[in-house]
């Protein structure tokens, strides 16, 4: 697929912007702070309703306005689809499909599919588990948009259950009468049902990604080390001693949502006293992690700067491969200000690997940062103006 037209209204730094785009490579070149990343961020946002730069939608709305609009015409198999998303400060987003309102905003998820590689992706290797969980979950939404609703429901239940645990813990510390925990049993069931679906989907996705990560890391790095993904589940730390990384047999068990649901309910019952004491839920997908190893060692703490970049890039290129396999329609590939961060060899290898993609959107500070192998359409971004060269 590719994006043929992009329109922004009060999005980030743009009051109004209308761009006609083409298949192949398009580069947006301009100094930092001119708004080039805002353009590709808008394309990516349509796919998952999340930004690779900020956690809150508030930052996406131009200062002093009440809302922003992102509109894109996506072309898949020769068929055009117009997607429009209104981002409203302090309220739920609203969406339109081919100019008609949709009853559920998430009905437009997955129509514009993209994979973004950006400097922030170094956190996938070096950062906290939250970044890796989000990596999996955002990709799952592109593959199965209904999981956006499951994620939202899980987060809501987790907050409500956490509030109840804190209330019970406070009552226990005051030495008052024990609280009625029958409501907690209900929340346990709800949390386990949503959580089990997320865990099962994540484990299946890790299995899909694993061979692609190994292959793309070898290509990017020039064959220096073997990259491997694993899944670490808090559920396994309850069932047995160890760090919770799943064996092949355990992965198979974790991919069974119905079985995981029952195991989560049992684990919450086993941990209830500790959870009340701490006021948090100690088991579930919000406590899990993706294990990244390089040559049998943890990538975090052992991988060099260059190896970490190669691993982060391998994760994104593996995502691109999985999405392409999903429906034989490649997503838009976005390379946001990454070539300046790569050494010459990695830059050349990356350019060779992505040159044949249906649509590649690149941002760069100077023209020299765009490899010759990725020659194509070029826009200059300066002072809030976007001009085709």
Protein backbone atom coordinates (compact mmCIF):
# COMPACT_ATOMS: atom_id res chain seq x y z
CA UNK A 1 0.00 0.00 0.00
CA UNK A 2 0.96 3.65 -0.23
CA UNK A 3 -0.37 7.02 0.85
CA UNK A 4 -1.34 9.13 -2.17
CA UNK A 5 -2.48 12.27 -0.37
CA UNK A 6 -1.91 13.64 3.12
CA UNK A 7 -3.74 16.60 4.65
CA UNK A 8 -3.06 18.13 8.07
CA UNK A 9 -5.09 20.74 9.92
CA UNK A 10 -3.77 22.17 13.20
CA UNK A 11 -1.53 19.13 13.62
CA UNK A 12 1.68 19.92 15.50
CA UNK A 13 3.27 22.96 13.79
CA UNK A 14 0.99 22.95 10.73
CA UNK A 15 -2.06 25.16 10.40
CA UNK A 16 -2.78 23.63 6.99
CA UNK A 17 -0.75 21.25 4.86
CA UNK A 18 -1.76 19.28 1.76
CA UNK A 19 0.72 16.94 0.09
CA UNK A 20 0.48 14.71 -2.96
CA UNK A 21 2.69 11.64 -2.50
CA UNK A 22 3.77 8.81 -4.77
CA UNK A 23 4.94 5.22 -4.48
CA UNK A 24 8.68 4.77 -4.12
CA UNK A 25 11.02 6.94 -2.06
CA UNK A 26 10.08 10.39 -0.77
CA UNK A 27 12.51 12.39 1.35
CA UNK A 28 11.66 15.39 3.54
CA UNK A 29 14.83 17.40 4.11
CA UNK A 30 15.22 20.25 6.57
CA UNK A 31 17.03 21.39 9.68
CA UNK A 32 15.83 20.31 13.10
CA UNK A 33 12.67 21.99 14.34
CA UNK A 34 11.28 22.77 10.88
CA UNK A 35 8.46 20.19 10.99
CA UNK A 36 9.65 17.33 8.78
CA UNK A 37 9.09 14.66 11.44
CA UNK A 38 5.58 16.00 12.08
CA UNK A 39 4.62 14.89 8.57
CA UNK A 40 5.66 11.26 8.92
CA UNK A 41 4.37 11.16 12.49
CA UNK A 42 0.89 11.96 11.16
CA UNK A 43 1.04 9.04 8.72
CA UNK A 44 2.16 6.64 11.44
CA UNK A 45 -0.47 7.90 13.90
CA UNK A 46 -3.30 6.81 11.62
CA UNK A 47 -2.21 3.19 11.92
CA UNK A 48 -2.18 2.74 15.69
CA UNK A 49 -3.51 6.01 17.21
CA UNK A 50 -0.20 6.41 18.97
CA UNK A 51 2.90 8.51 18.33
CA UNK A 52 6.47 7.25 18.29
CA UNK A 53 7.51 10.55 19.90
CA UNK A 54 5.06 11.33 22.72
CA UNK A 55 2.74 9.40 25.01
CA UNK A 56 -0.11 11.92 25.03
CA UNK A 57 -2.23 13.07 22.10
CA UNK A 58 -2.32 16.57 23.54
CA UNK A 59 1.10 17.36 22.06
CA UNK A 60 -0.20 16.55 18.57
CA UNK A 61 -2.71 19.41 18.58
CA UNK A 62 -1.33 22.78 17.50
CA UNK A 63 -0.98 25.10 20.49
CA UNK A 64 -3.97 27.35 21.00
CA UNK A 65 -6.44 25.20 19.07
CA UNK A 66 -9.00 22.68 20.27
CA UNK A 67 -8.24 19.84 17.91
CA UNK A 68 -6.33 18.54 14.91
CA UNK A 69 -7.34 16.67 11.77
CA UNK A 70 -5.23 14.14 9.87
CA UNK A 71 -6.60 12.96 6.52
CA UNK A 72 -4.96 10.46 4.17
CA UNK A 73 -5.88 8.66 0.97
CA UNK A 74 -4.52 5.12 1.11
CA UNK A 75 -4.16 3.03 -2.04
CA UNK A 76 -4.21 -0.75 -1.65
CA UNK A 77 -4.43 -3.02 -4.67
CA UNK A 78 -5.53 -0.09 -6.82
CA UNK A 79 -8.41 0.76 -4.47
CA UNK A 80 -8.48 4.15 -2.77
CA UNK A 81 -9.72 4.65 0.80
CA UNK A 82 -9.98 8.04 2.50
CA UNK A 83 -9.30 7.97 6.25
CA UNK A 84 -9.88 11.01 8.43
CA UNK A 85 -9.10 11.28 12.13
CA UNK A 86 -10.00 14.19 14.37
CA UNK A 87 -7.84 14.48 17.47
CA UNK A 88 -9.78 16.43 20.09
CA UNK A 89 -8.00 17.77 23.17
CA UNK A 90 -9.35 16.14 26.31
CA UNK A 91 -11.87 13.95 24.46
CA UNK A 92 -12.03 10.78 22.43
CA UNK A 93 -10.91 10.93 18.82
CA UNK A 94 -13.48 10.94 16.02
CA UNK A 95 -13.05 9.23 12.67
CA UNK A 96 -14.52 9.20 9.18
CA UNK A 97 -14.10 6.62 6.44
CA UNK A 98 -14.65 7.76 2.86
CA UNK A 99 -16.19 10.92 4.36
CA UNK A 100 -18.79 8.98 6.39
CA UNK A 101 -18.60 8.93 10.23
CA UNK A 102 -17.83 5.56 11.82
CA UNK A 103 -19.50 4.37 15.01
CA UNK A 104 -16.22 3.22 16.52
CA UNK A 105 -13.00 5.12 15.93
CA UNK A 106 -10.98 1.91 15.95
CA UNK A 107 -12.82 0.78 12.80
CA UNK A 108 -10.28 2.79 10.78
CA UNK A 109 -7.28 1.18 12.45
CA UNK A 110 -5.06 -0.80 10.12
CA UNK A 111 -6.20 0.88 6.91
CA UNK A 112 -3.05 3.01 6.81
CA UNK A 113 -0.32 0.64 7.95
CA UNK A 114 3.24 1.78 8.50
CA UNK A 115 6.47 0.82 10.22
CA UNK A 116 8.56 3.60 11.74
CA UNK A 117 12.26 3.43 12.49
CA UNK A 118 13.44 6.42 14.52
CA UNK A 119 16.25 7.36 16.94
CA UNK A 120 13.85 6.65 19.82
CA UNK A 121 13.99 2.97 18.85
CA UNK A 122 17.31 2.58 20.62
CA UNK A 123 15.13 2.34 23.76
CA UNK A 124 13.80 -0.98 22.45
CA UNK A 125 17.22 -2.45 23.16
CA UNK A 126 18.55 -0.31 25.97
CA UNK A 127 15.39 0.89 27.70
CA UNK A 128 12.79 -0.43 30.12
CA UNK A 129 10.36 -3.29 29.36
CA UNK A 130 7.57 -0.79 28.70
CA UNK A 131 9.13 0.18 25.35
CA UNK A 132 9.34 -3.44 24.23
CA UNK A 133 5.78 -4.20 25.36
CA UNK A 134 4.55 -1.22 23.37
CA UNK A 135 6.51 -2.40 20.34
CA UNK A 136 4.65 -5.71 20.38
CA UNK A 137 1.26 -4.21 21.19
CA UNK A 138 1.39 -1.53 18.48
CA UNK A 139 2.31 -4.17 15.92
CA UNK A 140 -0.54 -6.38 17.12
CA UNK A 141 -3.00 -3.54 16.56
CA UNK A 142 -1.85 -3.26 12.94
CA UNK A 143 -2.24 -7.01 12.47
CA UNK A 144 -5.53 -7.35 14.38
CA UNK A 145 -7.15 -3.94 15.01
CA UNK A 146 -9.73 -5.39 17.42
CA UNK A 147 -6.90 -5.89 19.93
CA UNK A 148 -6.87 -2.12 20.41
CA UNK A 149 -10.15 -2.57 22.25
CA UNK A 150 -8.73 -5.43 24.32
CA UNK A 151 -5.73 -3.30 25.31
CA UNK A 152 -7.96 -0.41 26.29
CA UNK A 153 -10.22 -2.68 28.34
CA UNK A 154 -7.24 -4.29 30.07
CA UNK A 155 -5.76 -0.92 31.03
CA UNK A 156 -9.12 0.23 32.43
CA UNK A 157 -9.58 -2.93 34.50
CA UNK A 158 -5.98 -2.73 35.71
CA UNK A 159 -6.56 0.80 37.03
CA UNK A 160 -9.79 -0.17 38.75
CA UNK A 161 -8.30 -3.28 40.30
CA UNK A 162 -5.26 -1.29 41.44
CA UNK A 163 -7.48 1.26 43.18
CA UNK A 164 -9.26 -1.57 45.02
CA UNK A 165 -5.95 -3.14 46.08
CA UNK A 166 -4.70 0.18 47.43
CA UNK A 167 -7.93 0.68 49.37
CA UNK A 168 -7.65 -2.79 50.87
CA UNK A 169 -4.02 -2.23 51.78
CA UNK A 170 -4.80 1.09 53.47
CA UNK A 171 -7.55 -0.55 55.53
CA UNK A 172 -5.21 -3.34 56.57
CA UNK A 173 -2.53 -0.87 57.68
CA UNK A 174 -5.06 1.10 59.75
CA UNK A 175 -5.95 -2.09 61.60
CA UNK A 176 -9.62 -1.65 60.87
CA UNK A 177 -12.11 -4.31 59.84
CA UNK A 178 -11.01 -6.35 56.82
CA UNK A 179 -12.48 -5.03 53.58
CA UNK A 180 -14.96 -7.00 51.50
CA UNK A 181 -12.82 -8.56 48.78
CA UNK A 182 -15.63 -10.23 46.86
CA UNK A 183 -15.45 -7.44 44.27
CA UNK A 184 -11.77 -8.21 43.78
CA UNK A 185 -12.67 -11.72 42.67
CA UNK A 186 -14.79 -10.24 39.90
CA UNK A 187 -12.00 -7.92 38.76
CA UNK A 188 -9.56 -10.85 38.82
CA UNK A 189 -11.70 -12.67 36.27
CA UNK A 190 -12.08 -9.64 34.02
CA UNK A 191 -8.36 -8.84 34.16
CA UNK A 192 -7.41 -12.46 33.45
CA UNK A 193 -9.74 -12.69 30.44
CA UNK A 194 -8.34 -9.59 28.73
CA UNK A 195 -4.78 -10.26 29.88
CA UNK A 196 -4.76 -13.83 28.59
CA UNK A 197 -5.77 -12.67 25.11
CA UNK A 198 -2.92 -10.14 25.07
CA UNK A 199 -0.33 -12.65 26.33
CA UNK A 200 -1.36 -15.29 23.80
CA UNK A 201 -1.25 -12.79 20.93
CA UNK A 202 2.14 -11.47 22.00
CA UNK A 203 3.70 -14.92 22.24
CA UNK A 204 2.40 -15.87 18.80
CA UNK A 205 3.81 -12.60 17.43
CA UNK A 206 7.23 -13.21 19.01
CA UNK A 207 7.29 -16.55 17.23
CA UNK A 208 6.46 -14.86 13.93
CA UNK A 209 9.10 -12.18 14.42
CA UNK A 210 11.92 -14.48 15.57
CA UNK A 211 13.20 -15.75 12.19
CA UNK A 212 12.86 -12.32 10.59
CA UNK A 213 14.82 -10.64 13.40
CA UNK A 214 17.63 -13.20 13.07
CA UNK A 215 17.77 -12.73 9.29
CA UNK A 216 17.57 -8.94 9.21
CA UNK A 217 20.10 -8.52 12.02
CA UNK A 218 22.54 -10.67 10.08
CA UNK A 219 21.98 -8.54 6.97
CA UNK A 220 22.31 -5.19 8.73
CA UNK A 221 25.31 -6.15 10.85
CA UNK A 222 27.13 -8.07 8.17
CA UNK A 223 26.81 -11.38 10.00
CA UNK A 224 28.19 -10.24 13.36
CA UNK A 225 26.30 -12.22 16.00
CA UNK A 226 23.00 -14.06 16.25
CA UNK A 227 19.96 -12.07 17.41
CA UNK A 228 17.12 -13.93 19.10
CA UNK A 229 13.79 -12.95 20.66
CA UNK A 230 12.20 -14.55 23.70
CA UNK A 231 9.19 -13.82 25.90
CA UNK A 232 9.45 -13.27 29.65
CA UNK A 233 6.20 -13.77 31.55
CA UNK A 234 5.52 -12.75 35.14
CA UNK A 235 3.17 -15.72 35.21
CA UNK A 236 6.12 -18.10 34.92
CA UNK A 237 7.90 -16.52 37.90
CA UNK A 238 4.89 -17.50 39.99
CA UNK A 239 4.77 -21.06 38.65
CA UNK A 240 8.48 -21.74 39.00
CA UNK A 241 11.78 -20.23 40.07
CA UNK A 242 13.78 -18.27 37.53
CA UNK A 243 13.52 -15.08 35.52
CA UNK A 244 10.32 -16.03 33.71
CA UNK A 245 11.73 -16.47 30.21
CA UNK A 246 9.58 -19.02 28.42
CA UNK A 247 11.03 -22.20 26.96
CA UNK A 248 9.70 -23.44 23.63
CA UNK A 249 7.25 -25.73 25.44
CA UNK A 250 6.14 -22.90 27.74
CA UNK A 251 5.64 -20.59 24.77
CA UNK A 252 3.24 -23.12 23.31
CA UNK A 253 1.29 -23.13 26.57
CA UNK A 254 1.25 -19.32 26.76
CA UNK A 255 -0.19 -19.14 23.25
CA UNK A 256 -3.36 -20.83 24.55
CA UNK A 257 -5.51 -17.93 25.80
CA UNK A 258 -8.07 -20.09 27.62
CA UNK A 259 -5.38 -21.91 29.59
CA UNK A 260 -3.53 -18.68 30.37
CA UNK A 261 -6.72 -17.11 31.71
CA UNK A 262 -7.10 -19.86 34.32
CA UNK A 263 -3.43 -19.64 35.24
CA UNK A 264 -3.70 -15.87 35.71
CA UNK A 265 -6.71 -16.25 38.02
CA UNK A 266 -4.84 -18.82 40.11
CA UNK A 267 -1.70 -16.65 40.23
CA UNK A 268 -3.66 -13.59 41.39
CA UNK A 269 -5.22 -15.65 44.17
CA UNK A 270 -1.78 -16.89 45.20
CA UNK A 271 -0.33 -13.36 45.21
CA UNK A 272 -3.30 -11.58 46.74
CA UNK A 273 -1.72 -10.82 50.11
CA UNK A 274 1.39 -9.33 48.47
CA UNK A 275 -0.70 -7.37 45.99
CA UNK A 276 -2.80 -5.83 48.76
CA UNK A 277 0.35 -4.96 50.69
CA UNK A 278 1.92 -3.23 47.68
CA UNK A 279 -1.27 -1.90 46.09
CA UNK A 280 -0.41 -3.14 42.58
CA UNK A 281 -1.22 -6.08 40.31
CA UNK A 282 1.87 -8.28 40.22
CA UNK A 283 1.01 -10.61 37.34
CA UNK A 284 -0.29 -10.02 33.84
CA UNK A 285 0.93 -8.71 30.48
CA UNK A 286 1.75 -5.32 32.04
CA UNK A 287 4.59 -7.08 33.93
CA UNK A 288 5.98 -9.06 30.97
CA UNK A 289 8.94 -8.32 28.71
CA UNK A 290 10.53 -9.25 25.41
CA UNK A 291 13.95 -10.86 25.84
CA UNK A 292 16.55 -9.67 23.33
CA UNK A 293 19.75 -11.68 23.15
CA UNK A 294 22.79 -11.31 20.94
CA UNK A 295 25.17 -14.22 20.68
CA UNK A 296 23.47 -15.78 23.70
CA UNK A 297 23.97 -12.71 25.91
CA UNK A 298 21.41 -10.05 26.87
CA UNK A 299 21.53 -7.26 24.31
CA UNK A 300 20.82 -4.73 27.04
CA UNK A 301 24.11 -4.11 28.79
CA UNK A 302 26.26 -6.18 26.42
CA UNK A 303 25.56 -4.87 22.91
CA UNK A 304 27.76 -2.04 21.64
CA UNK A 305 26.23 1.18 20.34
CA UNK A 306 26.40 -0.06 16.75
CA UNK A 307 25.03 -3.48 17.67
CA UNK A 308 22.14 -1.86 19.54
CA UNK A 309 21.28 0.21 16.46
CA UNK A 310 21.42 -2.92 14.30
CA UNK A 311 19.13 -4.78 16.70
CA UNK A 312 16.59 -1.94 16.84
CA UNK A 313 16.61 -1.78 13.05
CA UNK A 314 16.19 -5.56 12.82
CA UNK A 315 13.09 -5.35 15.03
CA UNK A 316 11.49 -2.77 12.75
CA UNK A 317 12.42 -4.54 9.52
CA UNK A 318 11.08 -7.79 10.99
CA UNK A 319 7.81 -5.95 11.73
CA UNK A 320 7.71 -4.82 8.12
CA UNK A 321 8.19 -8.43 6.96
CA UNK A 322 5.44 -9.78 9.23
CA UNK A 323 2.97 -7.12 8.10
CA UNK A 324 3.78 -7.84 4.46
CA UNK A 325 3.25 -11.57 4.99
CA UNK A 326 -0.05 -10.88 6.74
CA UNK A 327 -1.91 -9.78 3.59
CA UNK A 328 0.72 -9.63 0.81
CA UNK A 329 0.50 -5.84 0.96
CA UNK A 330 3.58 -4.05 2.26
CA UNK A 331 3.09 -1.18 4.74
CA UNK A 332 4.58 2.27 4.35
CA UNK A 333 8.15 2.27 5.64
CA UNK A 334 9.14 5.43 7.54
CA UNK A 335 12.80 6.19 8.30
CA UNK A 336 12.77 9.19 10.60
CA UNK A 337 16.15 10.90 10.85
CA UNK A 338 18.06 7.63 11.21
CA UNK A 339 20.76 7.72 8.52
CA UNK A 340 22.78 10.34 10.38
CA UNK A 341 22.92 7.93 13.34
CA UNK A 342 24.29 4.99 11.34
CA UNK A 343 27.86 4.34 10.23
CA UNK A 344 28.57 4.11 6.51
CA UNK A 345 28.29 0.32 6.28
CA UNK A 346 24.98 0.09 8.12
CA UNK A 347 23.63 3.04 6.14
CA UNK A 348 24.45 1.34 2.84
CA UNK A 349 23.03 -2.01 3.93
CA UNK A 350 19.81 -0.42 5.15
CA UNK A 351 19.41 1.50 1.88
CA UNK A 352 19.86 -1.69 -0.14
CA UNK A 353 17.32 -3.58 1.99
CA UNK A 354 14.53 -1.00 1.71
CA UNK A 355 15.06 0.42 -1.78
CA UNK A 356 12.44 -1.92 -3.27
CA UNK A 357 9.65 -1.10 -0.76
CA UNK A 358 6.40 0.17 -2.27
CA UNK A 359 6.61 3.46 -0.35
CA UNK A 360 9.46 4.78 1.79
CA UNK A 361 9.18 8.12 3.61
CA UNK A 362 12.49 9.54 4.84
CA UNK A 363 13.35 12.56 6.97
CA UNK A 364 16.87 13.98 7.01
CA UNK A 365 18.57 17.16 8.18
CA UNK A 366 20.72 17.55 5.06
CA UNK A 367 20.52 16.04 1.55
CA UNK A 368 23.79 14.16 2.07
CA UNK A 369 22.14 12.02 4.77
CA UNK A 370 19.93 10.34 2.15
CA UNK A 371 21.85 7.47 0.49
CA UNK A 372 22.15 7.55 -3.28
CA UNK A 373 20.37 4.18 -3.46
CA UNK A 374 17.25 5.89 -2.12
CA UNK A 375 16.98 8.59 -4.73
CA UNK A 376 13.39 9.73 -5.37
CA UNK A 377 10.97 12.58 -4.77
CA UNK A 378 12.30 15.27 -2.43
CA UNK A 379 10.67 18.01 -0.40
CA UNK A 380 12.41 20.84 1.42
CA UNK A 381 10.92 21.69 4.82
CA UNK A 382 11.77 25.14 6.17
CA UNK A 383 9.92 27.73 8.23
CA UNK A 384 6.74 25.68 8.25
CA UNK A 385 6.67 25.48 4.46
CA UNK A 386 6.96 22.24 2.52
CA UNK A 387 8.19 22.66 -1.06
CA UNK A 388 8.84 20.00 -3.67
CA UNK A 389 12.31 20.31 -5.16
